């Protein structure tokens, strides 16, 4: 398993609307971004899980053919309007040494890039090459 940064950007529209005391962890945000991305992908018939939270991120699970991914959605450390998407890849099968194919990862990257580039809500977008 490895987790790598796919994109960083600025956007005020994903700032949390609930008070700090209702956040999973102080200064850690991402629910609004994860829901937005989940919806944008579904609008294009690309289906992920509903967002789930962990201590420092919100996660969308995505499967393509035999490949499993997690898309991590969160703010950059202690910054409300600076965001990061990370992709976590998994080995194929419990006892396998096979890694996720570059083709499957490239496919996911293109799916994620589309809504980020099409919206006016995102600025200072940087896409990192993961292949």
Foldseek 3Di string as FASTA:
>chain_A
DDKDWFKKWFFPVQFDPDDQVPDLHRLKGFLSVQQVLQVVLVVVVQHWARWDDDNRFIWTWHDDDQWIKIWTWIADGNDRGMIIIMIDTDARDDPDPHTDDPVVVVVVSVSSVVVQVPDPRIPPMDGDDPD
